[in-house]
């Protein structure tokens, strides 16, 4: 009579479960990492640290723990304040797709994220910016994620950075219509900071943006 060996039966099951959860965790972390890259455009106007404050927009840390349009002291639009309850994946997906459709009188000039895979990645990244991570998933969580600026800007080093910086305030199609010298691009960036409310870039990012723009859209 064969003696039942609990360890023999249990070990393969344990290894299978461990492999499953490890694979799922790895995939989610990869999605979050992609979301952080895609969310460079968000960081142009929002702080993401636990002690973040409202600047151009309210901070994004702890978004899952507060009601929509409820960060103290920030002047939200009337239509955004009409949305009830807390943010979830479905509401975030609709907002990221088209802020102006979700809240018609919003002051947020960002036109939105067209690619559903990119929105899913940003939502996964936003979920990681909470004391207790919510389960925010969308039907597009497994979709391919286009690089920021893909199909609009010329491929090249720092394309994603330029796309994030520029798309925070206007369409990337405006960029491709230009043809400026490096000095003129620098004057344009300074004008965007001084007159249009763009956050000043750190020196390395500033130079990287200038090199890309003058290389691909220069005289």
N, C-alpha and C. Protein backbone atom coordinates (compact mmCIF):
# COMPACT_ATOMS: atom_id res chain seq x y z
N UNK A 1 0.86 -1.20 0.00
CA UNK A 1 0.00 0.00 0.00
C UNK A 1 0.89 1.25 0.00
N UNK A 2 0.58 2.13 -0.93
CA UNK A 2 1.42 3.32 -1.06
C UNK A 2 1.07 4.32 0.04
N UNK A 3 2.06 4.71 0.77
CA UNK A 3 1.85 5.68 1.85
C UNK A 3 1.75 7.09 1.27
N UNK A 4 0.70 7.82 1.69
CA UNK A 4 0.49 9.19 1.21
C UNK A 4 1.62 10.09 1.71
N UNK A 5 2.25 10.73 0.82
CA UNK A 5 3.34 11.64 1.16
C UNK A 5 2.88 13.07 0.91
N UNK A 6 2.52 13.75 1.99
CA UNK A 6 1.99 15.11 1.89
C UNK A 6 2.98 16.06 1.25
N UNK A 7 4.24 15.91 1.59
CA UNK A 7 5.26 16.83 1.07
C UNK A 7 5.40 16.68 -0.43
N UNK A 8 5.34 15.40 -0.91
CA UNK A 8 5.48 15.18 -2.35
C UNK A 8 4.35 15.84 -3.12
N UNK A 9 3.13 15.78 -2.56
CA UNK A 9 1.98 16.38 -3.25
C UNK A 9 1.96 17.90 -3.11
N UNK A 10 2.37 18.38 -1.97
CA UNK A 10 2.26 19.80 -1.67
C UNK A 10 3.33 20.64 -2.38
N UNK A 11 4.53 20.10 -2.50
CA UNK A 11 5.64 20.88 -3.04
C UNK A 11 5.42 21.34 -4.47
N UNK A 12 4.98 20.45 -5.41
CA UNK A 12 4.73 20.95 -6.77
C UNK A 12 3.67 22.03 -6.82
N UNK A 13 2.61 21.88 -5.99
CA UNK A 13 1.55 22.89 -5.94
C UNK A 13 2.10 24.21 -5.44
N UNK A 14 2.93 24.14 -4.40
CA UNK A 14 3.51 25.36 -3.84
C UNK A 14 4.38 26.07 -4.87
N UNK A 15 5.17 25.30 -5.58
CA UNK A 15 6.05 25.91 -6.59
C UNK A 15 5.23 26.53 -7.72
N UNK A 16 4.13 25.88 -8.10
CA UNK A 16 3.28 26.42 -9.16
C UNK A 16 2.65 27.73 -8.74
N UNK A 17 2.14 27.75 -7.49
CA UNK A 17 1.53 28.98 -6.99
C UNK A 17 2.56 30.09 -6.87
N UNK A 18 3.76 29.75 -6.40
CA UNK A 18 4.82 30.74 -6.27
C UNK A 18 5.19 31.32 -7.62
N UNK A 19 5.28 30.44 -8.63
CA UNK A 19 5.61 30.90 -9.97
C UNK A 19 4.52 31.80 -10.53
N UNK A 20 3.26 31.43 -10.26
CA UNK A 20 2.13 32.23 -10.76
C UNK A 20 2.15 33.63 -10.18
N UNK A 21 2.27 33.70 -8.85
CA UNK A 21 2.23 35.01 -8.20
C UNK A 21 3.47 35.84 -8.53
N UNK A 22 4.61 35.18 -8.68
CA UNK A 22 5.84 35.91 -9.03
C UNK A 22 5.72 36.49 -10.43
N UNK A 23 5.14 35.70 -11.35
CA UNK A 23 4.96 36.19 -12.73
C UNK A 23 3.97 37.35 -12.76
N UNK A 24 2.87 37.21 -12.01
CA UNK A 24 1.87 38.29 -11.97
C UNK A 24 2.46 39.56 -11.38
N UNK A 25 3.25 39.41 -10.29
CA UNK A 25 3.87 40.57 -9.66
C UNK A 25 4.85 41.24 -10.59
N UNK A 26 5.65 40.43 -11.31
CA UNK A 26 6.62 40.98 -12.25
C UNK A 26 5.94 41.75 -13.36
N UNK A 27 4.83 41.17 -13.89
CA UNK A 27 4.10 41.84 -14.96
C UNK A 27 3.52 43.17 -14.49
N UNK A 28 3.02 43.19 -13.25
CA UNK A 28 2.44 44.41 -12.71
C UNK A 28 3.52 45.47 -12.49
N UNK A 29 4.68 45.05 -12.01
CA UNK A 29 5.77 46.00 -11.80
C UNK A 29 6.26 46.57 -13.13
N UNK A 30 6.25 45.74 -14.17
CA UNK A 30 6.63 46.24 -15.49
C UNK A 30 5.61 47.26 -16.00
N UNK A 31 4.33 46.99 -15.72
CA UNK A 31 3.28 47.92 -16.12
C UNK A 31 3.44 49.24 -15.38
N UNK A 32 3.75 49.16 -14.09
CA UNK A 32 3.96 50.38 -13.29
C UNK A 32 5.15 51.17 -13.82
N UNK A 33 6.24 50.47 -14.16
CA UNK A 33 7.42 51.15 -14.70
C UNK A 33 7.09 51.85 -16.02
N UNK A 34 6.31 51.18 -16.87
CA UNK A 34 5.88 51.82 -18.12
C UNK A 34 4.99 53.03 -17.83
N UNK A 35 4.13 52.87 -16.81
CA UNK A 35 3.26 53.97 -16.44
C UNK A 35 4.02 55.18 -15.95
N UNK A 36 5.09 54.95 -15.21
CA UNK A 36 5.89 56.07 -14.73
C UNK A 36 6.51 56.84 -15.89
N UNK A 37 6.95 56.11 -16.92
CA UNK A 37 7.50 56.78 -18.10
C UNK A 37 6.40 57.58 -18.81
N UNK A 38 5.24 56.96 -18.96
CA UNK A 38 4.12 57.65 -19.61
C UNK A 38 3.67 58.86 -18.80
N UNK A 39 3.81 58.77 -17.47
CA UNK A 39 3.30 59.81 -16.57
C UNK A 39 4.24 61.00 -16.41
N UNK A 40 5.31 61.04 -17.18
CA UNK A 40 6.16 62.24 -17.15
C UNK A 40 5.34 63.48 -17.45
N UNK A 41 4.32 63.31 -18.30
CA UNK A 41 3.46 64.44 -18.62
C UNK A 41 2.67 64.88 -17.40
N UNK A 42 2.31 63.95 -16.53
CA UNK A 42 1.57 64.29 -15.30
C UNK A 42 2.44 65.08 -14.33
N UNK A 43 3.72 64.68 -14.25
CA UNK A 43 4.63 65.30 -13.30
C UNK A 43 4.95 66.75 -13.65
N UNK A 44 4.61 67.14 -14.87
CA UNK A 44 4.84 68.53 -15.26
C UNK A 44 3.97 69.49 -14.46
N UNK A 45 2.81 68.98 -13.98
CA UNK A 45 1.87 69.85 -13.26
C UNK A 45 1.48 69.34 -11.88
N UNK A 46 1.81 68.09 -11.57
CA UNK A 46 1.39 67.48 -10.31
C UNK A 46 2.58 66.92 -9.54
N UNK A 47 2.60 67.14 -8.24
CA UNK A 47 3.59 66.48 -7.39
C UNK A 47 3.07 65.09 -7.02
N UNK A 48 4.00 64.16 -6.78
CA UNK A 48 3.60 62.78 -6.50
C UNK A 48 4.17 62.25 -5.19
N UNK A 49 4.85 63.09 -4.42
CA UNK A 49 5.43 62.67 -3.16
C UNK A 49 4.35 62.65 -2.07
N UNK A 50 4.57 61.85 -1.00
CA UNK A 50 3.58 61.79 0.09
C UNK A 50 3.25 63.14 0.71
N UNK A 51 4.22 64.05 0.71
CA UNK A 51 3.98 65.38 1.29
C UNK A 51 3.75 66.43 0.19
N UNK A 52 3.30 65.97 -0.97
CA UNK A 52 3.11 66.87 -2.10
C UNK A 52 2.05 67.94 -1.84
N UNK A 53 2.21 69.06 -2.51
CA UNK A 53 1.28 70.18 -2.39
C UNK A 53 0.68 70.49 -3.76
N UNK A 54 -0.35 71.30 -3.77
CA UNK A 54 -0.95 71.73 -5.03
C UNK A 54 -0.05 72.77 -5.69
N UNK A 55 0.26 72.55 -6.96
CA UNK A 55 1.00 73.55 -7.74
C UNK A 55 0.08 73.96 -8.90
N UNK A 56 0.43 73.59 -10.13
CA UNK A 56 -0.50 73.83 -11.24
C UNK A 56 -1.75 72.98 -11.06
N UNK A 57 -1.54 71.74 -10.59
CA UNK A 57 -2.64 70.83 -10.28
C UNK A 57 -2.45 70.25 -8.89
N UNK A 58 -3.45 69.55 -8.35
CA UNK A 58 -3.33 68.96 -7.02
C UNK A 58 -2.35 67.79 -7.02
N UNK A 59 -1.79 67.43 -5.87
CA UNK A 59 -0.87 66.29 -5.81
C UNK A 59 -1.59 64.98 -6.11
N UNK A 60 -0.84 64.00 -6.60
CA UNK A 60 -1.43 62.73 -6.99
C UNK A 60 -1.27 61.65 -5.94
N UNK A 61 -0.42 61.87 -4.95
CA UNK A 61 -0.26 60.87 -3.90
C UNK A 61 -1.56 60.72 -3.11
N UNK A 62 -1.94 59.47 -2.84
CA UNK A 62 -3.14 59.22 -2.05
C UNK A 62 -4.44 59.46 -2.78
N UNK A 63 -4.40 59.41 -4.11
CA UNK A 63 -5.59 59.69 -4.90
C UNK A 63 -6.74 58.73 -4.57
N UNK A 64 -6.39 57.48 -4.25
CA UNK A 64 -7.42 56.48 -3.96
C UNK A 64 -8.11 56.71 -2.63
N UNK A 65 -7.50 57.51 -1.78
CA UNK A 65 -8.01 57.70 -0.42
C UNK A 65 -8.85 58.96 -0.25
N UNK A 66 -9.08 59.68 -1.34
CA UNK A 66 -9.89 60.89 -1.21
C UNK A 66 -10.91 60.97 -2.33
N UNK A 67 -11.98 61.69 -2.07
CA UNK A 67 -13.02 61.86 -3.08
C UNK A 67 -12.51 62.72 -4.23
N UNK A 68 -13.16 62.60 -5.36
CA UNK A 68 -12.80 63.41 -6.53
C UNK A 68 -12.95 64.88 -6.18
N UNK A 69 -11.97 65.67 -6.63
CA UNK A 69 -12.00 67.13 -6.45
C UNK A 69 -12.12 67.53 -4.99
N UNK A 70 -11.30 66.89 -4.13
CA UNK A 70 -11.45 67.16 -2.69
C UNK A 70 -10.16 67.58 -1.99
N UNK A 71 -9.06 67.77 -2.73
CA UNK A 71 -7.84 68.19 -2.06
C UNK A 71 -8.00 69.61 -1.53
N UNK A 72 -7.76 69.78 -0.27
CA UNK A 72 -8.03 71.05 0.39
C UNK A 72 -7.28 72.23 -0.21
N UNK A 73 -8.00 73.30 -0.49
CA UNK A 73 -7.38 74.53 -0.94
C UNK A 73 -7.20 74.65 -2.44
N UNK A 74 -7.47 73.57 -3.20
CA UNK A 74 -7.30 73.66 -4.66
C UNK A 74 -8.62 74.07 -5.31
N UNK A 75 -8.55 74.95 -6.28
CA UNK A 75 -9.74 75.49 -6.94
C UNK A 75 -10.13 74.59 -8.13
N UNK A 76 -10.95 73.59 -7.85
CA UNK A 76 -11.40 72.68 -8.88
C UNK A 76 -12.51 73.31 -9.72
N UNK A 77 -12.66 72.81 -10.94
CA UNK A 77 -13.74 73.27 -11.80
C UNK A 77 -15.09 72.76 -11.28
N UNK A 78 -16.14 73.47 -11.62
CA UNK A 78 -17.48 73.10 -11.15
C UNK A 78 -17.88 71.71 -11.65
N UNK A 79 -17.57 71.41 -12.91
CA UNK A 79 -18.00 70.12 -13.47
C UNK A 79 -17.24 68.96 -12.85
N UNK A 80 -15.99 69.16 -12.46
CA UNK A 80 -15.25 68.07 -11.81
C UNK A 80 -15.81 67.82 -10.42
N UNK A 81 -16.20 68.88 -9.73
CA UNK A 81 -16.75 68.73 -8.38
C UNK A 81 -18.11 68.03 -8.39
N UNK A 82 -18.75 67.98 -9.55
CA UNK A 82 -20.05 67.31 -9.65
C UNK A 82 -19.91 65.79 -9.67
N UNK A 83 -18.71 65.29 -9.93
CA UNK A 83 -18.50 63.84 -9.91
C UNK A 83 -18.46 63.36 -8.46
N UNK A 84 -19.20 62.31 -8.18
CA UNK A 84 -19.34 61.82 -6.82
C UNK A 84 -18.37 60.67 -6.52
N UNK A 85 -18.06 60.51 -5.25
CA UNK A 85 -17.27 59.36 -4.81
C UNK A 85 -15.78 59.49 -5.08
N UNK A 86 -15.10 58.36 -4.95
CA UNK A 86 -13.66 58.34 -5.12
C UNK A 86 -13.27 57.92 -6.53
N UNK A 87 -12.01 58.18 -6.86
CA UNK A 87 -11.49 57.74 -8.14
C UNK A 87 -11.42 56.22 -8.17
N UNK A 88 -11.73 55.64 -9.32
CA UNK A 88 -11.48 54.22 -9.56
C UNK A 88 -10.90 54.09 -10.96
N UNK A 89 -10.62 52.87 -11.37
CA UNK A 89 -9.95 52.66 -12.66
C UNK A 89 -10.81 53.17 -13.82
N UNK A 90 -12.11 52.94 -13.76
CA UNK A 90 -12.99 53.35 -14.85
C UNK A 90 -13.06 54.87 -14.98
N UNK A 91 -13.17 55.56 -13.86
CA UNK A 91 -13.23 57.03 -13.89
C UNK A 91 -11.90 57.61 -14.35
N UNK A 92 -10.81 57.04 -13.85
CA UNK A 92 -9.49 57.53 -14.25
C UNK A 92 -9.26 57.32 -15.74
N UNK A 93 -9.70 56.18 -16.25
CA UNK A 93 -9.52 55.89 -17.68
C UNK A 93 -10.27 56.91 -18.52
N UNK A 94 -11.51 57.23 -18.11
CA UNK A 94 -12.30 58.22 -18.85
C UNK A 94 -11.67 59.60 -18.76
N UNK A 95 -11.17 59.96 -17.58
CA UNK A 95 -10.57 61.28 -17.39
C UNK A 95 -9.28 61.41 -18.20
N UNK A 96 -8.43 60.39 -18.13
CA UNK A 96 -7.16 60.44 -18.85
C UNK A 96 -7.37 60.45 -20.35
N UNK A 97 -8.41 59.78 -20.82
CA UNK A 97 -8.67 59.75 -22.26
C UNK A 97 -9.01 61.15 -22.76
N UNK A 98 -9.84 61.88 -22.01
CA UNK A 98 -10.22 63.23 -22.42
C UNK A 98 -10.68 64.03 -21.21
N UNK A 99 -9.77 64.75 -20.56
CA UNK A 99 -10.16 65.57 -19.41
C UNK A 99 -11.31 66.52 -19.71
N UNK A 100 -11.31 67.10 -20.91
CA UNK A 100 -12.33 68.09 -21.26
C UNK A 100 -13.70 67.45 -21.46
N UNK A 101 -13.75 66.17 -21.79
CA UNK A 101 -15.03 65.47 -21.91
C UNK A 101 -15.53 65.07 -20.53
N UNK A 102 -14.62 64.61 -19.68
CA UNK A 102 -14.97 64.18 -18.33
C UNK A 102 -15.44 65.37 -17.48
N UNK A 103 -14.77 66.50 -17.66
CA UNK A 103 -15.11 67.71 -16.91
C UNK A 103 -15.00 68.90 -17.87
N UNK A 104 -16.10 69.25 -18.56
CA UNK A 104 -16.05 70.22 -19.67
C UNK A 104 -15.43 71.58 -19.35
N UNK A 105 -15.54 72.05 -18.10
CA UNK A 105 -14.97 73.36 -17.80
C UNK A 105 -13.64 73.25 -17.06
N UNK A 106 -12.97 72.11 -17.19
CA UNK A 106 -11.71 71.91 -16.49
C UNK A 106 -10.66 72.93 -16.93
N UNK A 107 -9.81 73.31 -15.99
CA UNK A 107 -8.71 74.20 -16.30
C UNK A 107 -7.49 73.43 -16.81
N UNK A 108 -7.59 72.11 -16.83
CA UNK A 108 -6.48 71.27 -17.25
C UNK A 108 -6.38 71.30 -18.77
N UNK A 109 -5.27 71.84 -19.27
CA UNK A 109 -5.13 72.02 -20.72
C UNK A 109 -4.64 70.75 -21.41
N UNK A 110 -4.22 69.75 -20.65
CA UNK A 110 -3.73 68.51 -21.23
C UNK A 110 -4.82 67.86 -22.07
N UNK A 111 -4.53 67.54 -23.35
CA UNK A 111 -5.58 67.03 -24.25
C UNK A 111 -6.01 65.60 -23.96
N UNK A 112 -5.19 64.81 -23.28
CA UNK A 112 -5.57 63.44 -22.97
C UNK A 112 -4.61 62.42 -23.55
N UNK A 113 -4.81 61.16 -23.16
CA UNK A 113 -3.97 60.04 -23.61
C UNK A 113 -4.82 59.16 -24.50
N UNK A 114 -4.53 59.14 -25.77
CA UNK A 114 -5.35 58.39 -26.72
C UNK A 114 -5.14 56.89 -26.62
N UNK A 115 -3.91 56.46 -26.38
CA UNK A 115 -3.58 55.04 -26.38
C UNK A 115 -4.11 54.35 -25.11
N UNK A 116 -5.02 53.36 -25.24
CA UNK A 116 -5.58 52.70 -24.05
C UNK A 116 -4.55 51.95 -23.23
N UNK A 117 -3.54 51.38 -23.89
CA UNK A 117 -2.48 50.69 -23.16
C UNK A 117 -1.69 51.65 -22.29
N UNK A 118 -1.44 52.83 -22.79
CA UNK A 118 -0.73 53.85 -22.01
C UNK A 118 -1.56 54.30 -20.83
N UNK A 119 -2.87 54.44 -21.03
CA UNK A 119 -3.74 54.83 -19.91
C UNK A 119 -3.74 53.76 -18.83
N UNK A 120 -3.78 52.50 -19.23
CA UNK A 120 -3.74 51.40 -18.26
C UNK A 120 -2.46 51.43 -17.45
N UNK A 121 -1.35 51.74 -18.12
CA UNK A 121 -0.06 51.80 -17.43
C UNK A 121 -0.02 52.97 -16.45
N UNK A 122 -0.53 54.12 -16.84
CA UNK A 122 -0.56 55.27 -15.95
C UNK A 122 -1.42 54.98 -14.73
N UNK A 123 -2.55 54.31 -14.94
CA UNK A 123 -3.45 53.98 -13.83
C UNK A 123 -2.77 53.01 -12.87
N UNK A 124 -2.03 52.05 -13.39
CA UNK A 124 -1.27 51.13 -12.52
C UNK A 124 -0.23 51.89 -11.72
N UNK A 125 0.41 52.87 -12.35
CA UNK A 125 1.41 53.69 -11.65
C UNK A 125 0.74 54.54 -10.58
N UNK A 126 -0.42 55.13 -10.89
CA UNK A 126 -1.14 55.93 -9.90
C UNK A 126 -1.56 55.07 -8.70
N UNK A 127 -1.93 53.83 -8.96
CA UNK A 127 -2.31 52.93 -7.87
C UNK A 127 -1.15 52.71 -6.91
N UNK A 128 0.07 52.74 -7.44
CA UNK A 128 1.25 52.52 -6.60
C UNK A 128 1.58 53.74 -5.74
N UNK A 129 0.92 54.87 -6.00
CA UNK A 129 1.17 56.11 -5.27
C UNK A 129 0.13 56.31 -4.17
N UNK A 130 -0.10 55.26 -3.41
CA UNK A 130 -1.05 55.30 -2.30
C UNK A 130 -0.48 54.51 -1.12
N UNK A 131 -0.79 54.91 0.10
CA UNK A 131 -0.30 54.16 1.26
C UNK A 131 -0.68 52.68 1.19
N UNK A 132 -1.93 52.41 0.79
CA UNK A 132 -2.38 51.05 0.53
C UNK A 132 -2.79 50.99 -0.94
N UNK A 133 -2.12 50.15 -1.70
CA UNK A 133 -2.32 50.14 -3.14
C UNK A 133 -3.71 49.58 -3.50
N UNK A 134 -4.54 50.36 -4.20
CA UNK A 134 -5.85 49.85 -4.61
C UNK A 134 -5.71 48.90 -5.80
N UNK A 135 -6.74 48.10 -6.03
CA UNK A 135 -6.74 47.22 -7.20
C UNK A 135 -7.40 47.98 -8.34
N UNK A 136 -6.59 48.67 -9.11
CA UNK A 136 -7.08 49.44 -10.25
C UNK A 136 -6.61 48.75 -11.52
N UNK A 137 -7.51 48.12 -12.22
CA UNK A 137 -7.16 47.50 -13.49
C UNK A 137 -8.21 47.89 -14.52
N UNK A 138 -7.80 47.94 -15.77
CA UNK A 138 -8.72 48.23 -16.86
C UNK A 138 -8.66 47.08 -17.87
N UNK A 139 -9.60 47.06 -18.76
CA UNK A 139 -9.64 46.02 -19.78
C UNK A 139 -8.45 46.11 -20.73
N UNK A 140 -7.75 47.23 -20.71
CA UNK A 140 -6.61 47.44 -21.61
C UNK A 140 -5.27 47.18 -20.92
N UNK A 141 -5.31 46.58 -19.72
CA UNK A 141 -4.07 46.39 -18.95
C UNK A 141 -3.04 45.55 -19.68
N UNK A 142 -3.47 44.64 -20.57
CA UNK A 142 -2.53 43.79 -21.28
C UNK A 142 -2.23 44.28 -22.68
N UNK A 143 -2.76 45.43 -23.06
CA UNK A 143 -2.57 45.94 -24.42
C UNK A 143 -1.15 46.46 -24.62
N UNK A 144 -0.65 46.41 -25.85
CA UNK A 144 0.66 47.00 -26.12
C UNK A 144 0.67 48.48 -25.76
N UNK A 145 1.82 48.96 -25.31
CA UNK A 145 1.94 50.35 -24.90
C UNK A 145 2.85 51.09 -25.87
N UNK A 146 2.30 52.09 -26.51
CA UNK A 146 3.12 52.88 -27.43
C UNK A 146 4.03 53.80 -26.64
N UNK A 147 5.21 54.06 -27.17
CA UNK A 147 6.09 55.04 -26.57
C UNK A 147 5.45 56.42 -26.67
N UNK A 148 5.72 57.25 -25.68
CA UNK A 148 5.18 58.61 -25.71
C UNK A 148 5.69 59.32 -26.95
N UNK A 149 4.78 59.86 -27.73
CA UNK A 149 5.17 60.55 -28.96
C UNK A 149 5.28 59.66 -30.17
N UNK A 150 5.11 58.34 -29.97
CA UNK A 150 5.24 57.40 -31.07
C UNK A 150 4.21 57.70 -32.16
N UNK A 151 4.67 57.76 -33.40
CA UNK A 151 3.79 58.05 -34.52
C UNK A 151 3.60 59.52 -34.80
N UNK A 152 4.13 60.37 -33.92
CA UNK A 152 4.02 61.82 -34.13
C UNK A 152 5.41 62.45 -34.24
N UNK A 153 6.22 62.25 -33.21
CA UNK A 153 7.56 62.81 -33.21
C UNK A 153 8.54 61.89 -33.90
N UNK A 154 9.64 62.46 -34.37
CA UNK A 154 10.70 61.68 -34.98
C UNK A 154 11.36 60.79 -33.93
N UNK A 155 11.55 59.50 -34.23
CA UNK A 155 12.25 58.62 -33.27
C UNK A 155 13.65 59.14 -32.99
N UNK A 156 14.07 59.03 -31.77
CA UNK A 156 15.41 59.49 -31.41
C UNK A 156 15.58 59.55 -29.91
N UNK A 157 16.81 59.75 -29.48
CA UNK A 157 17.10 59.83 -28.06
C UNK A 157 16.33 60.99 -27.43
N UNK A 158 15.70 60.71 -26.31
CA UNK A 158 14.93 61.69 -25.53
C UNK A 158 13.60 62.10 -26.17
N UNK A 159 13.13 61.29 -27.15
CA UNK A 159 11.82 61.56 -27.73
C UNK A 159 10.73 61.52 -26.67
N UNK A 160 10.79 60.50 -25.77
CA UNK A 160 9.76 60.37 -24.73
C UNK A 160 9.75 61.57 -23.80
N UNK A 161 10.96 62.07 -23.45
CA UNK A 161 11.06 63.24 -22.58
C UNK A 161 10.43 64.45 -23.25
N UNK A 162 10.76 64.68 -24.51
CA UNK A 162 10.22 65.82 -25.24
C UNK A 162 8.70 65.71 -25.35
N UNK A 163 8.22 64.50 -25.65
CA UNK A 163 6.77 64.29 -25.77
C UNK A 163 6.07 64.62 -24.46
N UNK A 164 6.65 64.17 -23.35
CA UNK A 164 6.03 64.41 -22.04
C UNK A 164 6.02 65.90 -21.71
N UNK A 165 7.13 66.57 -21.95
CA UNK A 165 7.24 68.00 -21.62
C UNK A 165 6.26 68.82 -22.46
N UNK A 166 6.24 68.54 -23.76
CA UNK A 166 5.46 69.38 -24.68
C UNK A 166 3.96 69.07 -24.63
N UNK A 167 3.61 67.78 -24.48
CA UNK A 167 2.19 67.41 -24.53
C UNK A 167 1.45 67.80 -23.27
N UNK A 168 2.17 68.23 -22.23
CA UNK A 168 1.49 68.69 -21.02
C UNK A 168 0.65 69.92 -21.28
N UNK A 169 1.01 70.69 -22.30
CA UNK A 169 0.30 71.95 -22.55
C UNK A 169 -0.35 72.05 -23.92
N UNK A 170 0.10 71.26 -24.88
CA UNK A 170 -0.46 71.39 -26.23
C UNK A 170 -0.22 70.12 -27.03
N UNK A 171 -0.83 70.05 -28.18
CA UNK A 171 -0.67 68.90 -29.05
C UNK A 171 0.76 68.79 -29.56
N UNK A 172 1.24 67.56 -29.70
CA UNK A 172 2.58 67.36 -30.24
C UNK A 172 2.65 67.73 -31.72
N UNK A 173 1.50 67.79 -32.37
CA UNK A 173 1.49 68.18 -33.78
C UNK A 173 1.97 69.62 -33.94
N UNK A 174 1.83 70.43 -32.90
CA UNK A 174 2.34 71.79 -32.95
C UNK A 174 3.86 71.80 -33.01
N UNK A 175 4.48 70.84 -32.35
CA UNK A 175 5.95 70.75 -32.35
C UNK A 175 6.48 70.45 -33.74
N UNK A 176 5.85 69.47 -34.40
CA UNK A 176 6.38 69.02 -35.69
C UNK A 176 6.20 70.06 -36.79
N UNK A 177 5.39 71.08 -36.54
CA UNK A 177 5.20 72.14 -37.53
C UNK A 177 6.28 73.20 -37.47
N UNK A 178 7.14 73.09 -36.44
CA UNK A 178 8.15 74.13 -36.22
C UNK A 178 9.46 73.78 -36.92
N UNK A 179 10.27 74.81 -37.10
CA UNK A 179 11.63 74.64 -37.61
C UNK A 179 12.46 75.79 -37.08
N UNK A 180 13.08 75.60 -35.92
CA UNK A 180 13.77 76.69 -35.23
C UNK A 180 15.22 76.32 -34.94
N UNK A 181 16.04 77.33 -34.84
CA UNK A 181 17.42 77.10 -34.43
C UNK A 181 17.43 76.73 -32.94
N UNK A 182 18.58 76.25 -32.48
CA UNK A 182 18.68 75.88 -31.06
C UNK A 182 18.44 77.09 -30.18
N UNK A 183 18.95 78.25 -30.58
CA UNK A 183 18.74 79.47 -29.79
C UNK A 183 17.27 79.85 -29.75
N UNK A 184 16.58 79.68 -30.88
CA UNK A 184 15.16 80.02 -30.93
C UNK A 184 14.33 79.03 -30.11
N UNK A 185 14.72 77.76 -30.14
CA UNK A 185 14.03 76.78 -29.30
C UNK A 185 14.23 77.12 -27.82
N UNK A 186 15.43 77.57 -27.49
CA UNK A 186 15.68 77.94 -26.09
C UNK A 186 14.83 79.14 -25.69
N UNK A 187 14.71 80.11 -26.56
CA UNK A 187 13.84 81.26 -26.28
C UNK A 187 12.39 80.82 -26.11
N UNK A 188 11.97 79.84 -26.91
CA UNK A 188 10.60 79.34 -26.82
C UNK A 188 10.36 78.66 -25.48
N UNK A 189 11.34 77.85 -25.04
CA UNK A 189 11.20 77.18 -23.74
C UNK A 189 11.15 78.20 -22.60
N UNK A 190 11.98 79.22 -22.69
CA UNK A 190 11.98 80.27 -21.67
C UNK A 190 10.65 81.01 -21.65
N UNK A 191 10.08 81.24 -22.84
CA UNK A 191 8.78 81.90 -22.93
C UNK A 191 7.69 81.02 -22.32
N UNK A 192 7.78 79.70 -22.55
CA UNK A 192 6.79 78.77 -21.99
C UNK A 192 6.82 78.80 -20.46
N UNK A 193 8.02 78.92 -19.90
CA UNK A 193 8.16 78.97 -18.44
C UNK A 193 7.67 80.32 -17.90
N UNK A 194 8.10 81.40 -18.55
CA UNK A 194 7.80 82.74 -18.04
C UNK A 194 6.34 83.16 -18.26
N UNK A 195 5.77 82.75 -19.40
CA UNK A 195 4.46 83.27 -19.78
C UNK A 195 3.34 82.23 -19.77
N UNK A 196 3.68 80.95 -19.87
CA UNK A 196 2.65 79.93 -20.01
C UNK A 196 2.54 78.98 -18.82
N UNK A 197 3.34 79.22 -17.79
CA UNK A 197 3.23 78.43 -16.57
C UNK A 197 3.91 77.07 -16.60
N UNK A 198 4.75 76.82 -17.60
CA UNK A 198 5.46 75.54 -17.65
C UNK A 198 6.51 75.49 -16.55
N UNK A 199 6.63 74.33 -15.89
CA UNK A 199 7.67 74.18 -14.87
C UNK A 199 9.04 74.22 -15.52
N UNK A 200 9.97 74.89 -14.86
CA UNK A 200 11.33 74.96 -15.39
C UNK A 200 11.99 73.59 -15.30
N UNK A 201 12.64 73.17 -16.38
CA UNK A 201 13.31 71.88 -16.41
C UNK A 201 14.65 71.97 -15.69
N UNK A 202 15.11 70.82 -15.18
CA UNK A 202 16.46 70.85 -14.61
C UNK A 202 17.45 70.95 -15.76
N UNK A 203 18.69 71.40 -15.52
CA UNK A 203 19.64 71.69 -16.61
C UNK A 203 19.85 70.54 -17.58
N UNK A 204 19.96 69.30 -17.07
CA UNK A 204 20.21 68.17 -17.96
C UNK A 204 19.02 67.91 -18.89
N UNK A 205 17.81 67.97 -18.34
CA UNK A 205 16.62 67.76 -19.16
C UNK A 205 16.44 68.91 -20.15
N UNK A 206 16.72 70.12 -19.70
CA UNK A 206 16.62 71.30 -20.58
C UNK A 206 17.51 71.12 -21.80
N UNK A 207 18.75 70.72 -21.58
CA UNK A 207 19.70 70.54 -22.68
C UNK A 207 19.26 69.38 -23.57
N UNK A 208 18.77 68.30 -22.97
CA UNK A 208 18.33 67.15 -23.76
C UNK A 208 17.17 67.52 -24.68
N UNK A 209 16.22 68.30 -24.15
CA UNK A 209 15.08 68.74 -24.96
C UNK A 209 15.56 69.64 -26.10
N UNK A 210 16.46 70.55 -25.80
CA UNK A 210 16.97 71.46 -26.83
C UNK A 210 17.70 70.70 -27.94
N UNK A 211 18.51 69.74 -27.57
CA UNK A 211 19.26 68.97 -28.56
C UNK A 211 18.31 68.19 -29.46
N UNK A 212 17.32 67.54 -28.85
CA UNK A 212 16.36 66.78 -29.66
C UNK A 212 15.60 67.71 -30.62
N UNK A 213 15.06 68.81 -30.11
CA UNK A 213 14.25 69.70 -30.93
C UNK A 213 15.06 70.34 -32.06
N UNK A 214 16.25 70.78 -31.74
CA UNK A 214 17.07 71.43 -32.76
C UNK A 214 17.60 70.42 -33.78
N UNK A 215 17.75 69.17 -33.36
CA UNK A 215 18.22 68.13 -34.29
C UNK A 215 17.12 67.72 -35.26
N UNK A 216 15.92 67.52 -34.76
CA UNK A 216 14.83 66.97 -35.58
C UNK A 216 13.89 68.05 -36.13
N UNK A 217 13.83 69.20 -35.47
CA UNK A 217 12.93 70.27 -35.91
C UNK A 217 13.67 71.60 -35.88
N UNK A 218 14.86 71.57 -36.43
CA UNK A 218 15.69 72.77 -36.44
C UNK A 218 15.91 73.30 -37.84
N UNK A 219 16.58 74.40 -37.92
CA UNK A 219 16.89 75.04 -39.20
C UNK A 219 18.19 74.49 -39.76
